[in-house]
PDB file of all heavy atoms in Angstrom:
ATOM      1  N   LEU A   1      39.641 104.294  57.571  1.00  0.00           N
ATOM      2  CA  LEU A   1      39.926 105.396  58.494  1.00  0.00           C
ATOM      3  C   LEU A   1      41.412 105.730  58.550  1.00  0.00           C
ATOM      4  O   LEU A   1      41.797 106.905  58.587  1.00  0.00           O
ATOM      5  CB  LEU A   1      39.431 105.038  59.907  1.00  0.00           C
ATOM      6  CG  LEU A   1      37.951 105.268  60.208  1.00  0.00           C
ATOM      7  CD1 LEU A   1      37.631 104.751  61.588  1.00  0.00           C
ATOM      8  CD2 LEU A   1      37.609 106.745  60.114  1.00  0.00           C
ATOM      9  N   PHE A   2      42.271 104.690  58.585  1.00  0.00           N
ATOM     10  CA  PHE A   2      43.680 104.912  58.862  1.00  0.00           C
ATOM     11  C   PHE A   2      44.531 104.915  57.586  1.00  0.00           C
ATOM     12  O   PHE A   2      45.758 104.834  57.661  1.00  0.00           O
ATOM     13  CB  PHE A   2      44.191 103.848  59.832  1.00  0.00           C
ATOM     14  CG  PHE A   2      43.463 103.860  61.145  1.00  0.00           C
ATOM     15  CD1 PHE A   2      42.438 102.950  61.398  1.00  0.00           C
ATOM     16  CD2 PHE A   2      43.771 104.794  62.110  1.00  0.00           C
ATOM     17  CE1 PHE A   2      41.760 102.959  62.595  1.00  0.00           C
ATOM     18  CE2 PHE A   2      43.090 104.817  63.323  1.00  0.00           C
ATOM     19  CZ  PHE A   2      42.075 103.911  63.560  1.00  0.00           C
ATOM     20  N   GLY A   3      43.884 104.968  56.404  1.00  0.00           N
ATOM     21  CA  GLY A   3      44.633 105.092  55.154  1.00  0.00           C
ATOM     22  C   GLY A   3      44.990 106.541  54.881  1.00  0.00           C
ATOM     23  O   GLY A   3      44.243 107.471  55.218  1.00  0.00           O
ATOM     24  N   ALA A   4      46.153 106.756  54.260  1.00  0.00           N
ATOM     25  CA  ALA A   4      46.587 108.130  53.955  1.00  0.00           C
ATOM     26  C   ALA A   4      45.642 108.759  52.930  1.00  0.00           C
ATOM     27  O   ALA A   4      45.281 108.124  51.925  1.00  0.00           O
ATOM     28  CB  ALA A   4      48.019 108.131  53.433  1.00  0.00           C
ATOM     29  N   PHE A   5      45.214 109.969  53.203  1.00  0.00           N
ATOM     30  CA  PHE A   5      44.340 110.770  52.341  1.00  0.00           C
ATOM     31  C   PHE A   5      42.951 110.149  52.166  1.00  0.00           C
ATOM     32  O   PHE A   5      42.261 110.445  51.205  1.00  0.00           O
ATOM     33  CB  PHE A   5      44.991 110.987  50.960  1.00  0.00           C
ATOM     34  CG  PHE A   5      46.379 111.542  51.033  1.00  0.00           C
ATOM     35  CD1 PHE A   5      47.464 110.774  50.656  1.00  0.00           C
ATOM     36  CD2 PHE A   5      46.609 112.827  51.510  1.00  0.00           C
ATOM     37  CE1 PHE A   5      48.747 111.265  50.730  1.00  0.00           C
ATOM     38  CE2 PHE A   5      47.896 113.327  51.581  1.00  0.00           C
ATOM     39  CZ  PHE A   5      48.973 112.552  51.199  1.00  0.00           C
ATOM     40  N   GLN A   6      42.575 109.269  53.105  1.00  0.00           N
ATOM     41  CA  GLN A   6      41.228 108.695  53.074  1.00  0.00           C
ATOM     42  C   GLN A   6      40.325 109.545  53.971  1.00  0.00           C
ATOM     43  O   GLN A   6      40.625 109.758  55.143  1.00  0.00           O
ATOM     44  CB  GLN A   6      41.250 107.240  53.579  1.00  0.00           C
ATOM     45  CG  GLN A   6      42.049 106.298  52.717  1.00  0.00           C
ATOM     46  CD  GLN A   6      41.370 106.013  51.397  1.00  0.00           C
ATOM     47  OE1 GLN A   6      40.147 106.137  51.284  1.00  0.00           O
ATOM     48  NE2 GLN A   6      42.146 105.666  50.375  1.00  0.00           N
ATOM     49  N   ARG A   7      39.213 110.024  53.420  1.00  0.00           N
ATOM     50  CA  ARG A   7      38.303 110.873  54.180  1.00  0.00           C
ATOM     51  C   ARG A   7      36.896 110.291  54.105  1.00  0.00           C
ATOM     52  O   ARG A   7      36.455 109.841  53.036  1.00  0.00           O
ATOM     53  CB  ARG A   7      38.287 112.297  53.605  1.00  0.00           C
ATOM     54  CG  ARG A   7      39.615 113.032  53.697  1.00  0.00           C
ATOM     55  CD  ARG A   7      39.519 114.397  53.053  1.00  0.00           C
ATOM     56  NE  ARG A   7      38.417 115.183  53.555  1.00  0.00           N
ATOM     57  CZ  ARG A   7      38.453 115.941  54.649  1.00  0.00           C
ATOM     58  NH1 ARG A   7      39.568 116.037  55.328  1.00  0.00           N
ATOM     59  NH2 ARG A   7      37.397 116.605  55.052  1.00  0.00           N
ATOM     60  N   LEU A   8      36.188 110.281  55.242  1.00  0.00           N
ATOM     61  CA  LEU A   8      34.803 109.817  55.287  1.00  0.00           C
ATOM     62  C   LEU A   8      33.824 110.983  55.293  1.00  0.00           C
ATOM     63  O   LEU A   8      32.612 110.777  55.271  1.00  0.00           O
ATOM     64  CB  LEU A   8      34.582 108.934  56.523  1.00  0.00           C
ATOM     65  CG  LEU A   8      35.455 107.673  56.629  1.00  0.00           C
ATOM     66  CD1 LEU A   8      35.036 106.839  57.839  1.00  0.00           C
ATOM     67  CD2 LEU A   8      35.376 106.851  55.365  1.00  0.00           C
ATOM     68  N   HIS A   9      34.340 112.210  55.380  1.00  0.00           N
ATOM     69  CA  HIS A   9      33.499 113.409  55.343  1.00  0.00           C
ATOM     70  C   HIS A   9      34.069 114.368  54.290  1.00  0.00           C
ATOM     71  O   HIS A   9      35.296 114.453  54.109  1.00  0.00           O
ATOM     72  CB  HIS A   9      33.462 114.102  56.711  1.00  0.00           C
ATOM     73  CG  HIS A   9      32.903 113.243  57.797  1.00  0.00           C
ATOM     74  ND1 HIS A   9      31.558 113.119  58.047  1.00  0.00           N
ATOM     75  CD2 HIS A   9      33.522 112.450  58.702  1.00  0.00           C
ATOM     76  CE1 HIS A   9      31.372 112.303  59.047  1.00  0.00           C
ATOM     77  NE2 HIS A   9      32.551 111.868  59.470  1.00  0.00           N
ATOM     78  N   SER A  10      33.222 115.115  53.619  1.00  0.00           N
ATOM     79  CA  SER A  10      33.654 116.031  52.569  1.00  0.00           C
ATOM     80  C   SER A  10      34.372 117.230  53.192  1.00  0.00           C
ATOM     81  O   SER A  10      34.135 117.586  54.353  1.00  0.00           O
ATOM     82  CB  SER A  10      32.441 116.513  51.766  1.00  0.00           C
ATOM     83  OG  SER A  10      31.571 117.279  52.593  1.00  0.00           O
ATOM     84  N   PRO A  11      35.275 117.879  52.408  1.00  0.00           N
ATOM     85  CA  PRO A  11      35.981 119.073  52.927  1.00  0.00           C
ATOM     86  C   PRO A  11      35.026 120.192  53.297  1.00  0.00           C
ATOM     87  O   PRO A  11      35.350 121.035  54.134  1.00  0.00           O
ATOM     88  CB  PRO A  11      36.899 119.469  51.759  1.00  0.00           C
ATOM     89  CG  PRO A  11      37.067 118.215  50.951  1.00  0.00           C
ATOM     90  CD  PRO A  11      35.774 117.485  51.063  1.00  0.00           C
ATOM     91  N   GLN A  12      33.838 120.259  52.650  1.00  0.00           N
ATOM     92  CA  GLN A  12      32.882 121.310  52.991  1.00  0.00           C
ATOM     93  C   GLN A  12      32.331 121.104  54.405  1.00  0.00           C
ATOM     94  O   GLN A  12      31.993 122.068  55.100  1.00  0.00           O
ATOM     95  CB  GLN A  12      31.733 121.329  51.971  1.00  0.00           C
ATOM     96  CG  GLN A  12      32.123 121.844  50.601  1.00  0.00           C
ATOM     97  CD  GLN A  12      32.929 120.832  49.795  1.00  0.00           C
ATOM     98  OE1 GLN A  12      32.882 119.645  50.104  1.00  0.00           O
ATOM     99  NE2 GLN A  12      33.676 121.307  48.797  1.00  0.00           N
ATOM    100  N   GLU A  13      32.229 119.808  54.833  1.00  0.00           N
ATOM    101  CA  GLU A  13      31.730 119.533  56.190  1.00  0.00           C
ATOM    102  C   GLU A  13      32.817 119.777  57.233  1.00  0.00           C
ATOM    103  O   GLU A  13      32.605 120.522  58.201  1.00  0.00           O
ATOM    104  CB  GLU A  13      31.245 118.088  56.278  1.00  0.00           C
ATOM    105  CG  GLU A  13      29.972 117.798  55.525  1.00  0.00           C
ATOM    106  CD  GLU A  13      29.523 116.363  55.740  1.00  0.00           C
ATOM    107  OE1 GLU A  13      30.194 115.451  55.234  1.00  0.00           O
ATOM    108  OE2 GLU A  13      28.513 116.182  56.448  1.00  0.00           O
ATOM    109  N   PHE A  14      33.956 119.128  57.032  1.00  0.00           N
ATOM    110  CA  PHE A  14      35.063 119.252  57.987  1.00  0.00           C
ATOM    111  C   PHE A  14      36.353 119.330  57.195  1.00  0.00           C
ATOM    112  O   PHE A  14      36.618 118.478  56.325  1.00  0.00           O
ATOM    113  CB  PHE A  14      35.110 118.043  58.941  1.00  0.00           C
ATOM    114  CG  PHE A  14      33.882 117.876  59.778  1.00  0.00           C
ATOM    115  CD1 PHE A  14      32.905 116.953  59.404  1.00  0.00           C
ATOM    116  CD2 PHE A  14      33.693 118.625  60.925  1.00  0.00           C
ATOM    117  CE1 PHE A  14      31.771 116.791  60.172  1.00  0.00           C
ATOM    118  CE2 PHE A  14      32.558 118.467  61.694  1.00  0.00           C
ATOM    119  CZ  PHE A  14      31.593 117.555  61.314  1.00  0.00           C
ATOM    120  N   GLU A  15      37.189 120.324  57.506  1.00  0.00           N
ATOM    121  CA  GLU A  15      38.446 120.506  56.790  1.00  0.00           C
ATOM    122  C   GLU A  15      39.456 119.460  57.256  1.00  0.00           C
ATOM    123  O   GLU A  15      39.301 118.817  58.293  1.00  0.00           O
ATOM    124  CB  GLU A  15      38.989 121.912  57.056  1.00  0.00           C
ATOM    125  CG  GLU A  15      39.284 122.167  58.533  1.00  0.00           C
ATOM    126  CD  GLU A  15      39.830 123.556  58.778  1.00  0.00           C
ATOM    127  OE1 GLU A  15      39.834 124.369  57.828  1.00  0.00           O
ATOM    128  OE2 GLU A  15      40.241 123.830  59.910  1.00  0.00           O
ATOM    129  N   GLY A  16      40.523 119.303  56.482  1.00  0.00           N
ATOM    130  CA  GLY A  16      41.575 118.370  56.843  1.00  0.00           C
ATOM    131  C   GLY A  16      42.149 117.699  55.617  1.00  0.00           C
ATOM    132  O   GLY A  16      41.547 117.702  54.532  1.00  0.00           O
ATOM    133  N   SER A  17      43.367 117.080  55.804  1.00  0.00           N
ATOM    134  CA  SER A  17      44.066 116.458  54.678  1.00  0.00           C
ATOM    135  C   SER A  17      43.864 114.955  54.617  1.00  0.00           C
ATOM    136  O   SER A  17      44.212 114.323  53.621  1.00  0.00           O
ATOM    137  CB  SER A  17      45.563 116.754  54.775  1.00  0.00           C
ATOM    138  OG  SER A  17      46.093 116.217  55.982  1.00  0.00           O
ATOM    139  N   GLY A  18      43.350 114.327  55.684  1.00  0.00           N
ATOM    140  CA  GLY A  18      43.147 112.882  55.688  1.00  0.00           C
ATOM    141  C   GLY A  18      44.400 112.094  56.035  1.00  0.00           C
ATOM    142  O   GLY A  18      44.482 110.897  55.744  1.00  0.00           O
ATOM    143  N   VAL A  19      45.404 112.753  56.627  1.00  0.00           N
ATOM    144  CA  VAL A  19      46.666 112.073  56.958  1.00  0.00           C
ATOM    145  C   VAL A  19      46.811 111.865  58.467  1.00  0.00           C
ATOM    146  O   VAL A  19      47.602 111.054  58.918  1.00  0.00           O
ATOM    147  CB  VAL A  19      47.866 112.881  56.403  1.00  0.00           C
ATOM    148  CG1 VAL A  19      49.181 112.185  56.693  1.00  0.00           C
ATOM    149  CG2 VAL A  19      47.712 113.068  54.915  1.00  0.00           C
ATOM    150  N   GLY A  20      46.034 112.578  59.269  1.00  0.00           N
ATOM    151  CA  GLY A  20      46.219 112.545  60.732  1.00  0.00           C
ATOM    152  C   GLY A  20      46.107 111.149  61.311  1.00  0.00           C
ATOM    153  O   GLY A  20      46.961 110.699  62.096  1.00  0.00           O
ATOM    154  N   LEU A  21      45.043 110.397  60.941  1.00  0.00           N
ATOM    155  CA  LEU A  21      44.876 109.051  61.504  1.00  0.00           C
ATOM    156  C   LEU A  21      45.922 108.086  60.959  1.00  0.00           C
ATOM    157  O   LEU A  21      46.310 107.122  61.634  1.00  0.00           O
ATOM    158  CB  LEU A  21      43.461 108.535  61.212  1.00  0.00           C
ATOM    159  CG  LEU A  21      42.339 109.253  61.958  1.00  0.00           C
ATOM    160  CD1 LEU A  21      40.988 108.664  61.599  1.00  0.00           C
ATOM    161  CD2 LEU A  21      42.549 109.160  63.472  1.00  0.00           C
ATOM    162  N   ALA A  22      46.406 108.320  59.712  1.00  0.00           N
ATOM    163  CA  ALA A  22      47.493 107.494  59.188  1.00  0.00           C
ATOM    164  C   ALA A  22      48.753 107.699  60.016  1.00  0.00           C
ATOM    165  O   ALA A  22      49.509 106.748  60.293  1.00  0.00           O
ATOM    166  CB  ALA A  22      47.742 107.829  57.722  1.00  0.00           C
ATOM    167  N   ILE A  23      49.014 108.938  60.443  1.00  0.00           N
ATOM    168  CA  ILE A  23      50.162 109.222  61.313  1.00  0.00           C
ATOM    169  C   ILE A  23      49.977 108.517  62.653  1.00  0.00           C
ATOM    170  O   ILE A  23      50.916 107.922  63.195  1.00  0.00           O
ATOM    171  CB  ILE A  23      50.320 110.742  61.497  1.00  0.00           C
ATOM    172  CG1 ILE A  23      50.731 111.392  60.167  1.00  0.00           C
ATOM    173  CG2 ILE A  23      51.316 111.056  62.595  1.00  0.00           C
ATOM    174  CD1 ILE A  23      50.798 112.907  60.205  1.00  0.00           C
ATOM    175  N   VAL A  24      48.751 108.551  63.200  1.00  0.00           N
ATOM    176  CA  VAL A  24      48.495 107.876  64.482  1.00  0.00           C
ATOM    177  C   VAL A  24      48.778 106.379  64.357  1.00  0.00           C
ATOM    178  O   VAL A  24      49.442 105.781  65.214  1.00  0.00           O
ATOM    179  CB  VAL A  24      47.026 108.099  64.916  1.00  0.00           C
ATOM    180  CG1 VAL A  24      46.698 107.231  66.115  1.00  0.00           C
ATOM    181  CG2 VAL A  24      46.808 109.557  65.253  1.00  0.00           C
ATOM    182  N   GLN A  25      48.282 105.771  63.275  1.00  0.00           N
ATOM    183  CA  GLN A  25      48.511 104.324  63.114  1.00  0.00           C
ATOM    184  C   GLN A  25      49.994 104.014  62.968  1.00  0.00           C
ATOM    185  O   GLN A  25      50.499 103.032  63.544  1.00  0.00           O
ATOM    186  CB  GLN A  25      47.747 103.822  61.887  1.00  0.00           C
ATOM    187  CG  GLN A  25      47.824 102.308  61.715  1.00  0.00           C
ATOM    188  CD  GLN A  25      47.140 101.840  60.465  1.00  0.00           C
ATOM    189  OE1 GLN A  25      47.399 102.374  59.387  1.00  0.00           O
ATOM    190  NE2 GLN A  25      46.250 100.864  60.590  1.00  0.00           N
ATOM    191  N   ARG A  26      50.723 104.854  62.190  1.00  0.00           N
ATOM    192  CA  ARG A  26      52.150 104.612  62.007  1.00  0.00           C
ATOM    193  C   ARG A  26      52.894 104.712  63.350  1.00  0.00           C
ATOM    194  O   ARG A  26      53.772 103.891  63.645  1.00  0.00           O
ATOM    195  CB  ARG A  26      52.706 105.642  61.012  1.00  0.00           C
ATOM    196  CG  ARG A  26      54.106 105.340  60.505  1.00  0.00           C
ATOM    197  CD  ARG A  26      54.128 104.134  59.576  1.00  0.00           C
ATOM    198  NE  ARG A  26      53.245 104.314  58.444  1.00  0.00           N
ATOM    199  CZ  ARG A  26      53.569 104.936  57.305  1.00  0.00           C
ATOM    200  NH1 ARG A  26      54.782 105.438  57.179  1.00  0.00           N
ATOM    201  NH2 ARG A  26      52.716 105.031  56.322  1.00  0.00           N
ATOM    202  N   ILE A  27      52.540 105.684  64.186  1.00  0.00           N
ATOM    203  CA  ILE A  27      53.210 105.844  65.487  1.00  0.00           C
ATOM    204  C   ILE A  27      52.900 104.658  66.407  1.00  0.00           C
ATOM    205  O   ILE A  27      53.787 104.103  67.061  1.00  0.00           O
ATOM    206  CB  ILE A  27      52.781 107.176  66.134  1.00  0.00           C
ATOM    207  CG1 ILE A  27      53.341 108.346  65.338  1.00  0.00           C
ATOM    208  CG2 ILE A  27      53.252 107.242  67.588  1.00  0.00           C
ATOM    209  CD1 ILE A  27      52.822 109.698  65.798  1.00  0.00           C
ATOM    210  N   VAL A  28      51.624 104.242  66.460  1.00  0.00           N
ATOM    211  CA  VAL A  28      51.252 103.114  67.327  1.00  0.00           C
ATOM    212  C   VAL A  28      51.927 101.836  66.859  1.00  0.00           C
ATOM    213  O   VAL A  28      52.409 101.026  67.661  1.00  0.00           O
ATOM    214  CB  VAL A  28      49.714 102.957  67.356  1.00  0.00           C
ATOM    215  CG1 VAL A  28      49.331 101.686  68.101  1.00  0.00           C
ATOM    216  CG2 VAL A  28      49.076 104.157  68.027  1.00  0.00           C
ATOM    217  N   ASN A  29      52.015 101.639  65.523  1.00  0.00           N
ATOM    218  CA  ASN A  29      52.693 100.449  65.005  1.00  0.00           C
ATOM    219  C   ASN A  29      54.176 100.457  65.365  1.00  0.00           C
ATOM    220  O   ASN A  29      54.760  99.405  65.644  1.00  0.00           O
ATOM    221  CB  ASN A  29      52.522 100.365  63.486  1.00  0.00           C
ATOM    222  CG  ASN A  29      51.107 100.013  63.088  1.00  0.00           C
ATOM    223  OD1 ASN A  29      50.326  99.521  63.907  1.00  0.00           O
ATOM    224  ND2 ASN A  29      50.741 100.272  61.845  1.00  0.00           N
ATOM    225  N   ARG A  30      54.791 101.654  65.331  1.00  0.00           N
ATOM    226  CA  ARG A  30      56.211 101.745  65.709  1.00  0.00           C
ATOM    227  C   ARG A  30      56.418 101.362  67.167  1.00  0.00           C
ATOM    228  O   ARG A  30      57.507 100.967  67.565  1.00  0.00           O
ATOM    229  CB  ARG A  30      56.734 103.176  65.484  1.00  0.00           C
ATOM    230  CG  ARG A  30      56.846 103.601  64.033  1.00  0.00           C
ATOM    231  CD  ARG A  30      57.856 102.765  63.252  1.00  0.00           C
ATOM    232  NE  ARG A  30      59.152 102.709  63.858  1.00  0.00           N
ATOM    233  CZ  ARG A  30      60.093 103.637  63.742  1.00  0.00           C
ATOM    234  NH1 ARG A  30      59.859 104.726  63.009  1.00  0.00           N
ATOM    235  NH2 ARG A  30      61.272 103.484  64.323  1.00  0.00           N
ATOM    236  N   HIS A  31      55.370 101.474  67.990  1.00  0.00           N
ATOM    237  CA  HIS A  31      55.432 101.074  69.404  1.00  0.00           C
ATOM    238  C   HIS A  31      54.949  99.636  69.605  1.00  0.00           C
ATOM    239  O   HIS A  31      54.677  99.232  70.741  1.00  0.00           O
ATOM    240  CB  HIS A  31      54.587 102.016  70.262  1.00  0.00           C
ATOM    241  CG  HIS A  31      55.209 103.357  70.477  1.00  0.00           C
ATOM    242  ND1 HIS A  31      55.178 104.351  69.517  1.00  0.00           N
ATOM    243  CD2 HIS A  31      55.885 103.883  71.544  1.00  0.00           C
ATOM    244  CE1 HIS A  31      55.796 105.422  69.975  1.00  0.00           C
ATOM    245  NE2 HIS A  31      56.241 105.175  71.200  1.00  0.00           N
ATOM    246  N   SER A  32      54.801  98.870  68.511  1.00  0.00           N
ATOM    247  CA  SER A  32      54.336  97.470  68.564  1.00  0.00           C
ATOM    248  C   SER A  32      52.924  97.366  69.134  1.00  0.00           C
ATOM    249  O   SER A  32      52.563  96.366  69.748  1.00  0.00           O
ATOM    250  CB  SER A  32      55.298  96.610  69.415  1.00  0.00           C
ATOM    251  OG  SER A  32      56.596  96.638  68.884  1.00  0.00           O
ATOM    252  N   GLY A  33      52.122  98.408  68.940  1.00  0.00           N
ATOM    253  CA  GLY A  33      50.739  98.383  69.409  1.00  0.00           C
ATOM    254  C   GLY A  33      49.771  98.295  68.243  1.00  0.00           C
ATOM    255  O   GLY A  33      50.153  98.027  67.094  1.00  0.00           O
ATOM    256  N   ARG A  34      48.513  98.503  68.529  1.00  0.00           N
ATOM    257  CA  ARG A  34      47.507  98.522  67.475  1.00  0.00           C
ATOM    258  C   ARG A  34      46.476  99.601  67.796  1.00  0.00           C
ATOM    259  O   ARG A  34      46.303  99.992  68.955  1.00  0.00           O
ATOM    260  CB  ARG A  34      46.821  97.159  67.334  1.00  0.00           C
ATOM    261  CG  ARG A  34      45.958  96.748  68.506  1.00  0.00           C
ATOM    262  CD  ARG A  34      45.468  95.312  68.316  1.00  0.00           C
ATOM    263  NE  ARG A  34      44.539  94.912  69.379  1.00  0.00           N
ATOM    264  CZ  ARG A  34      43.218  94.919  69.251  1.00  0.00           C
ATOM    265  NH1 ARG A  34      42.667  95.306  68.107  1.00  0.00           N
ATOM    266  NH2 ARG A  34      42.425  94.527  70.241  1.00  0.00           N
ATOM    267  N   VAL A  35      45.801 100.083  66.760  1.00  0.00           N
ATOM    268  CA  VAL A  35      44.807 101.138  66.915  1.00  0.00           C
ATOM    269  C   VAL A  35      43.575 100.732  66.122  1.00  0.00           C
ATOM    270  O   VAL A  35      43.675 100.149  65.042  1.00  0.00           O
ATOM    271  CB  VAL A  35      45.374 102.497  66.432  1.00  0.00           C
ATOM    272  CG1 VAL A  35      45.784 102.447  64.979  1.00  0.00           C
ATOM    273  CG2 VAL A  35      44.349 103.611  66.649  1.00  0.00           C
ATOM    274  N   TRP A  36      42.403 100.995  66.686  1.00  0.00           N
ATOM    275  CA  TRP A  36      41.142 100.699  66.016  1.00  0.00           C
ATOM    276  C   TRP A  36      40.083 101.677  66.512  1.00  0.00           C
ATOM    277  O   TRP A  36      40.305 102.403  67.481  1.00  0.00           O
ATOM    278  CB  TRP A  36      40.707  99.254  66.251  1.00  0.00           C
ATOM    279  CG  TRP A  36      40.271  98.933  67.636  1.00  0.00           C
ATOM    280  CD1 TRP A  36      39.014  98.861  68.104  1.00  0.00           C
ATOM    281  CD2 TRP A  36      41.128  98.646  68.761  1.00  0.00           C
ATOM    282  NE1 TRP A  36      38.999  98.540  69.434  1.00  0.00           N
ATOM    283  CE2 TRP A  36      40.277  98.408  69.864  1.00  0.00           C
ATOM    284  CE3 TRP A  36      42.510  98.581  68.945  1.00  0.00           C
ATOM    285  CZ2 TRP A  36      40.769  98.096  71.109  1.00  0.00           C
ATOM    286  CZ3 TRP A  36      42.997  98.271  70.202  1.00  0.00           C
ATOM    287  CH2 TRP A  36      42.130  98.033  71.265  1.00  0.00           C
ATOM    288  N   ALA A  37      38.949 101.678  65.827  1.00  0.00           N
ATOM    289  CA  ALA A  37      37.911 102.662  66.154  1.00  0.00           C
ATOM    290  C   ALA A  37      36.540 102.008  66.114  1.00  0.00           C
ATOM    291  O   ALA A  37      36.314 101.022  65.407  1.00  0.00           O
ATOM    292  CB  ALA A  37      37.958 103.836  65.175  1.00  0.00           C
ATOM    293  N   LYS A  38      35.622 102.571  66.903  1.00  0.00           N
ATOM    294  CA  LYS A  38      34.222 102.166  66.908  1.00  0.00           C
ATOM    295  C   LYS A  38      33.377 103.437  66.874  1.00  0.00           C
ATOM    296  O   LYS A  38      33.740 104.433  67.514  1.00  0.00           O
ATOM    297  CB  LYS A  38      33.871 101.344  68.157  1.00  0.00           C
ATOM    298  CG  LYS A  38      34.567  99.999  68.234  1.00  0.00           C
ATOM    299  CD  LYS A  38      34.154  99.241  69.485  1.00  0.00           C
ATOM    300  CE  LYS A  38      34.841  97.890  69.557  1.00  0.00           C
ATOM    301  NZ  LYS A  38      34.446  97.143  70.776  1.00  0.00           N
ATOM    302  N   GLY A  39      32.283 103.383  66.173  1.00  0.00           N
ATOM    303  CA  GLY A  39      31.434 104.567  66.117  1.00  0.00           C
ATOM    304  C   GLY A  39      30.153 104.310  65.342  1.00  0.00           C
ATOM    305  O   GLY A  39      29.926 103.219  64.817  1.00  0.00           O
ATOM    306  N   ALA A  40      29.330 105.318  65.282  1.00  0.00           N
ATOM    307  CA  ALA A  40      28.090 105.269  64.516  1.00  0.00           C
ATOM    308  C   ALA A  40      27.840 106.668  63.978  1.00  0.00           C
ATOM    309  O   ALA A  40      28.225 107.681  64.602  1.00  0.00           O
ATOM    310  CB  ALA A  40      26.932 104.802  65.376  1.00  0.00           C
ATOM    311  N   LEU A  41      27.208 106.746  62.831  1.00  0.00           N
ATOM    312  CA  LEU A  41      26.986 108.023  62.181  1.00  0.00           C
ATOM    313  C   LEU A  41      26.126 108.932  63.069  1.00  0.00           C
ATOM    314  O   LEU A  41      25.070 108.524  63.566  1.00  0.00           O
ATOM    315  CB  LEU A  41      26.303 107.800  60.822  1.00  0.00           C
ATOM    316  CG  LEU A  41      26.422 108.952  59.808  1.00  0.00           C
ATOM    317  CD1 LEU A  41      27.888 109.236  59.502  1.00  0.00           C
ATOM    318  CD2 LEU A  41      25.669 108.589  58.534  1.00  0.00           C
TER     319      LEU A  41
END
């Protein structure tokens, strides 16, 4: 989820570059925090 340009959905389903969550993880790490996700299809 948090890798740069990693996408779990095709561009035809949902648009995007796959960098947004990588930016979130980088910002949280800079604050000495951690980020994780839970979900189901």
